[in-house]
Amino acid sequence: MAYLPQDPYMLLSVVNMKLRDRFSSLDSLCEDMDCNRKEVESVLATIDYHYDPEQNAFV
């Protein structure tokens, strides 16, 4: 996650913005940014946010 913030709340903001504006799925975001999907999901789970593919956002 070199290109993403390590703080969970900052990560949430950045990831949801990128999902809304640029990427059609979490997989495509992770592939483009060369980050590990499980790691992103794990960090955001610590603040009780989970990926919803229908909304294409962490909620």
N, C-alpha and C. Protein backbone atom coordinates (compact mmCIF):
# COMPACT_ATOMS: atom_id res chain seq x y z
N MET A 1 0.83 -1.19 0.00
CA MET A 1 0.00 0.00 0.00
C MET A 1 0.87 1.25 0.00
N ALA A 2 1.92 1.22 -0.75
CA ALA A 2 2.87 2.32 -0.77
C ALA A 2 2.25 3.63 -1.23
N TYR A 3 1.25 3.56 -2.12
CA TYR A 3 0.67 4.78 -2.67
C TYR A 3 -0.59 5.22 -1.94
N LEU A 4 -0.98 4.48 -0.92
CA LEU A 4 -2.19 4.79 -0.18
C LEU A 4 -1.86 5.16 1.26
N PRO A 5 -2.69 6.01 1.87
CA PRO A 5 -2.45 6.38 3.27
C PRO A 5 -2.55 5.18 4.20
N GLN A 6 -1.81 5.21 5.27
CA GLN A 6 -1.84 4.13 6.26
C GLN A 6 -2.93 4.34 7.31
N ASP A 7 -3.32 5.58 7.53
CA ASP A 7 -4.39 5.89 8.49
C ASP A 7 -5.72 5.37 7.93
N PRO A 8 -6.46 4.58 8.71
CA PRO A 8 -7.69 3.98 8.19
C PRO A 8 -8.71 4.99 7.68
N TYR A 9 -8.87 6.12 8.36
CA TYR A 9 -9.87 7.10 7.94
C TYR A 9 -9.44 7.83 6.66
N MET A 10 -8.17 8.10 6.54
CA MET A 10 -7.66 8.71 5.31
C MET A 10 -7.75 7.70 4.16
N LEU A 11 -7.44 6.45 4.45
CA LEU A 11 -7.54 5.39 3.44
C LEU A 11 -8.98 5.26 2.95
N LEU A 12 -9.92 5.27 3.86
CA LEU A 12 -11.33 5.19 3.50
C LEU A 12 -11.71 6.32 2.55
N SER A 13 -11.32 7.51 2.87
CA SER A 13 -11.64 8.66 2.03
C SER A 13 -11.04 8.53 0.63
N VAL A 14 -9.77 8.19 0.56
CA VAL A 14 -9.09 8.08 -0.72
C VAL A 14 -9.66 6.94 -1.56
N VAL A 15 -9.84 5.79 -0.95
CA VAL A 15 -10.33 4.63 -1.69
C VAL A 15 -11.76 4.87 -2.20
N ASN A 16 -12.64 5.39 -1.36
CA ASN A 16 -14.01 5.62 -1.82
C ASN A 16 -14.06 6.69 -2.92
N MET A 17 -13.21 7.70 -2.82
CA MET A 17 -13.16 8.72 -3.86
C MET A 17 -12.71 8.10 -5.18
N LYS A 18 -11.66 7.29 -5.13
CA LYS A 18 -11.14 6.66 -6.35
C LYS A 18 -12.16 5.67 -6.93
N LEU A 19 -12.86 4.94 -6.07
CA LEU A 19 -13.89 4.02 -6.55
C LEU A 19 -15.03 4.79 -7.21
N ARG A 20 -15.39 5.90 -6.65
CA ARG A 20 -16.47 6.72 -7.21
C ARG A 20 -16.07 7.36 -8.54
N ASP A 21 -14.87 7.90 -8.59
CA ASP A 21 -14.46 8.73 -9.73
C ASP A 21 -13.74 7.99 -10.85
N ARG A 22 -13.09 6.87 -10.54
CA ARG A 22 -12.20 6.30 -11.56
C ARG A 22 -12.32 4.79 -11.78
N PHE A 23 -12.62 4.04 -10.76
CA PHE A 23 -12.56 2.58 -10.87
C PHE A 23 -13.94 1.94 -10.73
N SER A 24 -14.16 0.90 -11.51
CA SER A 24 -15.45 0.21 -11.49
C SER A 24 -15.53 -0.89 -10.44
N SER A 25 -14.39 -1.19 -9.81
CA SER A 25 -14.38 -2.22 -8.77
C SER A 25 -13.14 -2.07 -7.89
N LEU A 26 -13.20 -2.70 -6.73
CA LEU A 26 -12.05 -2.70 -5.84
C LEU A 26 -10.89 -3.45 -6.47
N ASP A 27 -11.17 -4.51 -7.18
CA ASP A 27 -10.11 -5.27 -7.85
C ASP A 27 -9.36 -4.40 -8.86
N SER A 28 -10.08 -3.63 -9.65
CA SER A 28 -9.41 -2.79 -10.65
C SER A 28 -8.59 -1.69 -9.98
N LEU A 29 -9.07 -1.13 -8.88
CA LEU A 29 -8.31 -0.14 -8.13
C LEU A 29 -7.01 -0.76 -7.62
N CYS A 30 -7.12 -1.92 -7.00
CA CYS A 30 -5.93 -2.57 -6.43
C CYS A 30 -4.93 -2.97 -7.51
N GLU A 31 -5.43 -3.43 -8.62
CA GLU A 31 -4.53 -3.81 -9.72
C GLU A 31 -3.79 -2.58 -10.25
N ASP A 32 -4.52 -1.50 -10.47
CA ASP A 32 -3.90 -0.29 -11.01
C ASP A 32 -2.91 0.34 -10.03
N MET A 33 -3.23 0.30 -8.74
CA MET A 33 -2.38 0.93 -7.74
C MET A 33 -1.36 -0.04 -7.14
N ASP A 34 -1.36 -1.27 -7.63
CA ASP A 34 -0.43 -2.29 -7.16
C ASP A 34 -0.48 -2.45 -5.64
N CYS A 35 -1.70 -2.63 -5.14
CA CYS A 35 -1.87 -2.86 -3.70
C CYS A 35 -2.64 -4.15 -3.48
N ASN A 36 -2.56 -4.66 -2.28
CA ASN A 36 -3.18 -5.92 -1.92
C ASN A 36 -4.60 -5.68 -1.43
N ARG A 37 -5.57 -6.25 -2.11
CA ARG A 37 -6.98 -6.06 -1.76
C ARG A 37 -7.25 -6.48 -0.31
N LYS A 38 -6.73 -7.63 0.08
CA LYS A 38 -6.98 -8.13 1.44
C LYS A 38 -6.43 -7.17 2.49
N GLU A 39 -5.29 -6.56 2.19
CA GLU A 39 -4.71 -5.61 3.13
C GLU A 39 -5.59 -4.35 3.25
N VAL A 40 -6.07 -3.85 2.13
CA VAL A 40 -6.96 -2.69 2.15
C VAL A 40 -8.22 -3.03 2.95
N GLU A 41 -8.82 -4.17 2.65
CA GLU A 41 -10.04 -4.58 3.35
C GLU A 41 -9.78 -4.78 4.84
N SER A 42 -8.65 -5.32 5.18
CA SER A 42 -8.30 -5.56 6.58
C SER A 42 -8.16 -4.25 7.36
N VAL A 43 -7.47 -3.29 6.76
CA VAL A 43 -7.30 -1.99 7.43
C VAL A 43 -8.65 -1.32 7.63
N LEU A 44 -9.48 -1.34 6.61
CA LEU A 44 -10.78 -0.67 6.72
C LEU A 44 -11.75 -1.42 7.63
N ALA A 45 -11.57 -2.71 7.78
CA ALA A 45 -12.39 -3.48 8.71
C ALA A 45 -12.12 -3.06 10.16
N THR A 46 -10.93 -2.54 10.43
CA THR A 46 -10.61 -2.11 11.80
C THR A 46 -11.48 -0.92 12.22
N ILE A 47 -12.04 -0.20 11.25
CA ILE A 47 -12.95 0.91 11.58
C ILE A 47 -14.38 0.56 11.13
N ASP A 48 -14.62 -0.75 10.95
CA ASP A 48 -15.94 -1.31 10.66
C ASP A 48 -16.51 -0.86 9.32
N TYR A 49 -15.65 -0.78 8.31
CA TYR A 49 -16.09 -0.51 6.93
C TYR A 49 -15.76 -1.73 6.08
N HIS A 50 -16.71 -2.10 5.24
CA HIS A 50 -16.55 -3.28 4.41
C HIS A 50 -16.99 -2.95 2.99
N TYR A 51 -16.33 -3.57 2.03
CA TYR A 51 -16.62 -3.29 0.62
C TYR A 51 -17.96 -3.86 0.20
N ASP A 52 -18.77 -3.03 -0.42
CA ASP A 52 -20.05 -3.44 -0.99
C ASP A 52 -19.94 -3.31 -2.51
N PRO A 53 -19.86 -4.43 -3.23
CA PRO A 53 -19.68 -4.36 -4.68
C PRO A 53 -20.85 -3.70 -5.41
N GLU A 54 -22.06 -3.79 -4.87
CA GLU A 54 -23.21 -3.16 -5.51
C GLU A 54 -23.11 -1.64 -5.46
N GLN A 55 -22.57 -1.11 -4.38
CA GLN A 55 -22.39 0.33 -4.26
C GLN A 55 -21.00 0.76 -4.74
N ASN A 56 -20.14 -0.21 -4.95
CA ASN A 56 -18.73 0.03 -5.30
C ASN A 56 -18.11 1.03 -4.33
N ALA A 57 -18.28 0.73 -3.05
CA ALA A 57 -17.77 1.61 -2.00
C ALA A 57 -17.65 0.83 -0.70
N PHE A 58 -16.84 1.38 0.19
CA PHE A 58 -16.77 0.85 1.55
C PHE A 58 -17.84 1.56 2.36
N VAL A 59 -18.69 0.76 3.00
CA VAL A 59 -19.80 1.31 3.78
C VAL A 59 -19.81 0.70 5.16
